[in-house]
Amino acid sequence: MSLDFNKGGSRYGRTTKRKKTNMVYNILIGVVFIFIIVLGSSLFFGKNDPTTDTENQLANDQQQNESDENTPTEDEKAEEEEAARSEEEEEPEEEESQEEDENEENENDSNSETEVSENSDDPNVIKTMTNAGWGPVGTSQSEPHTSVYDENHIDWQEKLNAVHAATGLNSGDYTLMFLGNGGSEHHAVASIRNKSTGENFKIYLEWVTNEGWKPTKVEQVKAL
């Protein structure tokens, strides 16, 4: 009876090969399983790290607080708008107050230094007033100056400023009866009637180079 060694060896080889294959599969499965566990742990613990969450929350809260501090509230906006309106309203009031103060100073200077004379050779003149404190009222015009008798010209307005400096009357307080040449290019005369008293006045003006019109004499007259 003969033995078949080739047959037995083939069966043994197949068994050994299958064991090796199973071992490789088991190792690969184990590696994949471990990898899955590690990956899952990293995701889970990294997402729910209390320290990280707290730091993130603090950072977000700080950014929100800074944003809230830099963003003006409705009340602050209202206060800023109210302050802006108040400043706009105060500016015209300050300008008007300054103008009134200047006018009062001019009137006080005029009243305190005015010399009155009632001795005139002209029977139409009631009294004559002069004041050493009367000076040029200023000008925005350049030299050489040309006297202009046009109501829309700056020279006309500067003449009226000199009338105010001499009489203390604003343009709305009197009726301008005449404003014209006073005998030369650098002299002018204005005739006015006080609306409240009915008194008539003649104001004589003289141009001062680079300084403007200056009142030199005021006459109260019986008729214009």
Protein backbone atom coordinates (compact mmCIF):
# COMPACT_ATOMS: atom_id res chain seq x y z
CA MET A 1 0.00 0.00 0.00
CA SER A 2 1.55 3.31 -1.07
CA LEU A 3 1.13 6.69 0.71
CA ASP A 4 0.17 9.89 -1.22
CA PHE A 5 2.54 12.54 0.23
CA ASN A 6 1.62 15.12 -2.37
CA LYS A 7 -2.02 15.05 -1.43
CA GLY A 8 -1.37 15.52 2.28
CA GLY A 9 1.11 18.36 1.64
CA SER A 10 -1.38 20.28 -0.49
CA ARG A 11 -4.01 20.18 2.26
CA TYR A 12 -1.52 21.39 4.83
CA GLY A 13 -0.46 24.29 2.58
CA ARG A 14 -4.01 25.40 2.07
CA THR A 15 -4.66 25.38 5.81
CA THR A 16 -1.54 27.38 6.56
CA LYS A 17 -2.34 29.93 3.85
CA ARG A 18 -5.88 30.37 5.16
CA LYS A 19 -4.59 30.98 8.68
CA LYS A 20 -2.19 33.62 7.42
CA THR A 21 -4.95 35.31 5.47
CA ASN A 22 -7.26 35.34 8.49
CA MET A 23 -4.49 36.78 10.61
CA VAL A 24 -3.90 39.59 8.14
CA TYR A 25 -7.63 40.35 8.04
CA ASN A 26 -7.81 40.39 11.82
CA ILE A 27 -4.84 42.73 12.04
CA LEU A 28 -6.34 45.09 9.46
CA ILE A 29 -9.70 45.04 11.22
CA GLY A 30 -7.97 45.78 14.53
CA VAL A 31 -6.03 48.69 13.01
CA VAL A 32 -9.18 50.17 11.46
CA PHE A 33 -11.07 49.73 14.74
CA ILE A 34 -8.32 51.46 16.71
CA PHE A 35 -8.18 54.26 14.15
CA ILE A 36 -11.94 54.75 14.42
CA ILE A 37 -11.74 54.88 18.23
CA VAL A 38 -8.89 57.43 18.16
CA LEU A 39 -10.61 59.60 15.59
CA GLY A 40 -13.94 59.49 17.43
CA SER A 41 -12.29 60.32 20.74
CA SER A 42 -10.49 63.30 19.22
CA LEU A 43 -13.65 64.69 17.72
CA PHE A 44 -15.72 64.10 20.82
CA PHE A 45 -13.31 65.43 23.42
CA GLY A 46 -12.08 68.26 21.25
CA LYS A 47 -15.62 69.52 20.64
CA ASN A 48 -16.71 69.29 24.25
CA ASP A 49 -13.53 70.54 25.93
CA PRO A 50 -14.85 72.74 28.77
CA THR A 51 -11.72 74.84 28.80
CA THR A 52 -11.92 75.53 25.09
CA ASP A 53 -15.63 76.29 25.27
CA THR A 54 -15.10 78.67 28.18
CA GLU A 55 -12.29 80.51 26.43
CA ASN A 56 -14.36 80.82 23.27
CA GLN A 57 -17.33 82.10 25.23
CA LEU A 58 -15.20 84.67 27.07
CA ALA A 59 -13.70 85.85 23.80
CA ASN A 60 -17.17 86.20 22.24
CA ASP A 61 -18.48 88.05 25.29
CA GLN A 62 -15.53 90.45 25.22
CA GLN A 63 -16.04 91.18 21.53
CA GLN A 64 -19.74 91.76 22.12
CA ASN A 65 -19.04 94.10 25.04
CA GLU A 66 -16.53 96.08 22.99
CA SER A 67 -19.03 96.31 20.15
CA ASP A 68 -21.74 97.49 22.54
CA GLU A 69 -19.42 100.08 24.05
CA ASN A 70 -18.43 101.47 20.65
CA THR A 71 -22.00 101.54 19.36
CA PRO A 72 -23.86 104.65 20.62
CA THR A 73 -27.20 103.99 22.23
CA GLU A 74 -30.40 105.71 21.16
CA ASP A 75 -30.16 108.03 24.16
CA GLU A 76 -26.58 108.98 23.28
CA LYS A 77 -27.58 109.66 19.67
CA ALA A 78 -30.44 111.85 20.87
CA GLU A 79 -28.11 113.76 23.19
CA GLU A 80 -25.58 114.33 20.40
CA GLU A 81 -28.30 115.61 18.05
CA GLU A 82 -29.68 117.88 20.76
CA ALA A 83 -26.19 119.25 21.48
CA ALA A 84 -25.64 119.93 17.78
CA ARG A 85 -28.97 121.77 17.54
CA SER A 86 -28.12 123.81 20.64
CA GLU A 87 -24.78 124.85 19.17
CA GLU A 88 -26.45 125.89 15.92
CA GLU A 89 -28.99 127.94 17.84
CA GLU A 90 -26.37 129.53 20.07
CA GLU A 91 -24.18 130.73 17.21
CA PRO A 92 -26.74 133.21 15.76
CA GLU A 93 -27.62 134.34 19.27
CA GLU A 94 -23.95 135.01 20.05
CA GLU A 95 -23.56 136.94 16.79
CA GLU A 96 -26.67 139.01 17.51
CA SER A 97 -25.49 139.63 21.07
CA GLN A 98 -22.09 140.74 19.81
CA GLU A 99 -23.69 143.12 17.31
CA GLU A 100 -25.95 144.54 20.01
CA ASP A 101 -22.96 145.06 22.32
CA GLU A 102 -21.06 146.84 19.57
CA ASN A 103 -24.07 149.03 18.82
CA GLU A 104 -24.48 149.88 22.50
CA GLU A 105 -20.80 150.76 22.78
CA ASN A 106 -21.09 153.03 19.74
CA GLU A 107 -24.18 154.65 21.17
CA ASN A 108 -22.56 155.12 24.58
CA ASP A 109 -19.45 156.65 23.03
CA SER A 110 -21.64 158.88 20.89
CA ASN A 111 -23.79 160.03 23.80
CA SER A 112 -20.90 160.59 26.20
CA GLU A 113 -18.74 162.64 23.82
CA THR A 114 -21.27 164.40 21.64
CA GLU A 115 -21.03 168.18 21.54
CA VAL A 116 -24.26 170.01 20.78
CA SER A 117 -24.48 173.47 19.38
CA GLU A 118 -27.71 175.39 18.88
CA ASN A 119 -26.09 178.47 17.35
CA SER A 120 -26.42 178.16 13.59
CA ASP A 121 -26.67 180.77 10.90
CA ASP A 122 -29.06 178.47 9.02
CA PRO A 123 -32.62 179.06 10.27
CA ASN A 124 -33.56 175.51 9.20
CA VAL A 125 -31.02 173.99 11.61
CA ILE A 126 -32.30 173.33 15.13
CA LYS A 127 -29.00 172.04 16.51
CA THR A 128 -25.69 170.64 15.33
CA MET A 129 -23.97 167.62 16.90
CA THR A 130 -20.36 166.50 16.59
CA ASN A 131 -18.43 163.75 18.34
CA ALA A 132 -14.69 163.25 18.54
CA GLY A 133 -15.32 159.54 19.09
CA TRP A 134 -16.88 159.03 15.69
CA GLY A 135 -14.49 157.07 13.54
CA PRO A 136 -14.51 155.17 10.25
CA VAL A 137 -16.93 152.25 10.33
CA GLY A 138 -14.64 149.96 8.33
CA THR A 139 -14.80 148.80 4.75
CA SER A 140 -14.41 145.74 2.58
CA GLN A 141 -13.66 147.90 -0.46
CA SER A 142 -10.26 148.43 -1.99
CA GLU A 143 -8.55 151.62 -3.05
CA PRO A 144 -8.88 153.74 -5.03
CA HIS A 145 -12.39 154.17 -3.65
CA THR A 146 -15.31 155.30 -5.78
CA SER A 147 -18.47 156.55 -4.09
CA VAL A 148 -21.48 154.62 -5.39
CA TYR A 149 -25.14 155.57 -4.84
CA ASP A 150 -26.74 152.25 -5.65
CA GLU A 151 -28.85 150.52 -2.99
CA ASN A 152 -27.46 147.12 -4.01
CA HIS A 153 -23.81 148.19 -3.71
CA ILE A 154 -21.64 147.61 -0.65
CA ASP A 155 -20.67 151.30 -0.60
CA TRP A 156 -24.33 152.23 -0.03
CA GLN A 157 -24.57 149.83 2.93
CA GLU A 158 -21.35 151.15 4.43
CA LYS A 159 -22.76 154.69 4.25
CA LEU A 160 -25.82 153.48 6.18
CA ASN A 161 -23.48 151.90 8.74
CA ALA A 162 -21.95 155.33 9.30
CA VAL A 163 -25.45 156.82 9.70
CA HIS A 164 -26.15 154.27 12.41
CA ALA A 165 -22.84 155.01 14.15
CA ALA A 166 -23.74 158.70 14.35
CA THR A 167 -27.42 158.47 15.31
CA GLY A 168 -27.76 155.06 17.00
CA LEU A 169 -30.74 154.37 14.76
CA ASN A 170 -31.10 151.15 12.81
CA SER A 171 -32.35 151.24 9.23
CA GLY A 172 -35.80 150.11 10.36
CA ASP A 173 -36.07 153.02 12.82
CA TYR A 174 -35.98 155.79 10.23
CA THR A 175 -37.07 156.70 6.73
CA LEU A 176 -34.22 157.47 4.38
CA MET A 177 -35.25 160.59 2.48
CA PHE A 178 -31.99 161.20 0.64
CA LEU A 179 -28.49 159.78 0.29
CA GLY A 180 -26.19 161.52 -2.15
CA ASN A 181 -23.06 163.45 -2.91
CA GLY A 182 -21.92 165.76 -0.14
CA GLY A 183 -19.90 168.12 -2.29
CA SER A 184 -17.09 165.86 -3.50
CA GLU A 185 -16.21 162.27 -4.38
CA HIS A 186 -15.21 161.56 -0.79
CA HIS A 187 -18.11 163.26 0.95
CA ALA A 188 -21.76 162.22 1.25
CA VAL A 189 -24.87 163.40 3.07
CA ALA A 190 -27.90 161.42 4.26
CA SER A 191 -31.31 162.88 5.17
CA ILE A 192 -33.49 160.76 7.46
CA ARG A 193 -36.72 161.05 9.45
CA ASN A 194 -37.07 159.24 12.80
CA LYS A 195 -40.18 157.08 12.53
CA SER A 196 -41.02 157.25 16.24
CA THR A 197 -40.45 160.97 16.85
CA GLY A 198 -40.82 162.51 13.39
CA GLU A 199 -37.54 164.40 13.88
CA ASN A 200 -35.46 165.20 10.80
CA PHE A 201 -31.69 164.80 10.61
CA LYS A 202 -28.89 165.34 8.15
CA ILE A 203 -25.78 163.22 8.58
CA TYR A 204 -22.57 164.33 6.91
CA LEU A 205 -20.06 161.62 5.97
CA GLU A 206 -16.43 161.61 4.92
CA TRP A 207 -14.40 158.79 3.34
CA VAL A 208 -11.18 157.78 5.13
CA THR A 209 -8.69 155.91 2.94
CA ASN A 210 -8.70 152.15 3.60
CA GLU A 211 -10.91 152.67 6.67
CA GLY A 212 -14.34 153.53 5.30
CA TRP A 213 -16.99 156.15 5.86
CA LYS A 214 -16.85 158.35 8.93
CA PRO A 215 -19.64 160.61 10.25
CA THR A 216 -18.42 164.16 10.79
CA LYS A 217 -21.56 166.09 11.74
CA VAL A 218 -25.26 165.58 12.44
CA GLU A 219 -27.81 168.35 12.07
CA GLN A 220 -31.34 168.25 13.41
CA VAL A 221 -33.38 170.31 10.98
CA LYS A 222 -36.91 171.59 10.80
CA ALA A 223 -37.50 170.34 7.28
CA LEU A 224 -35.70 168.12 4.80
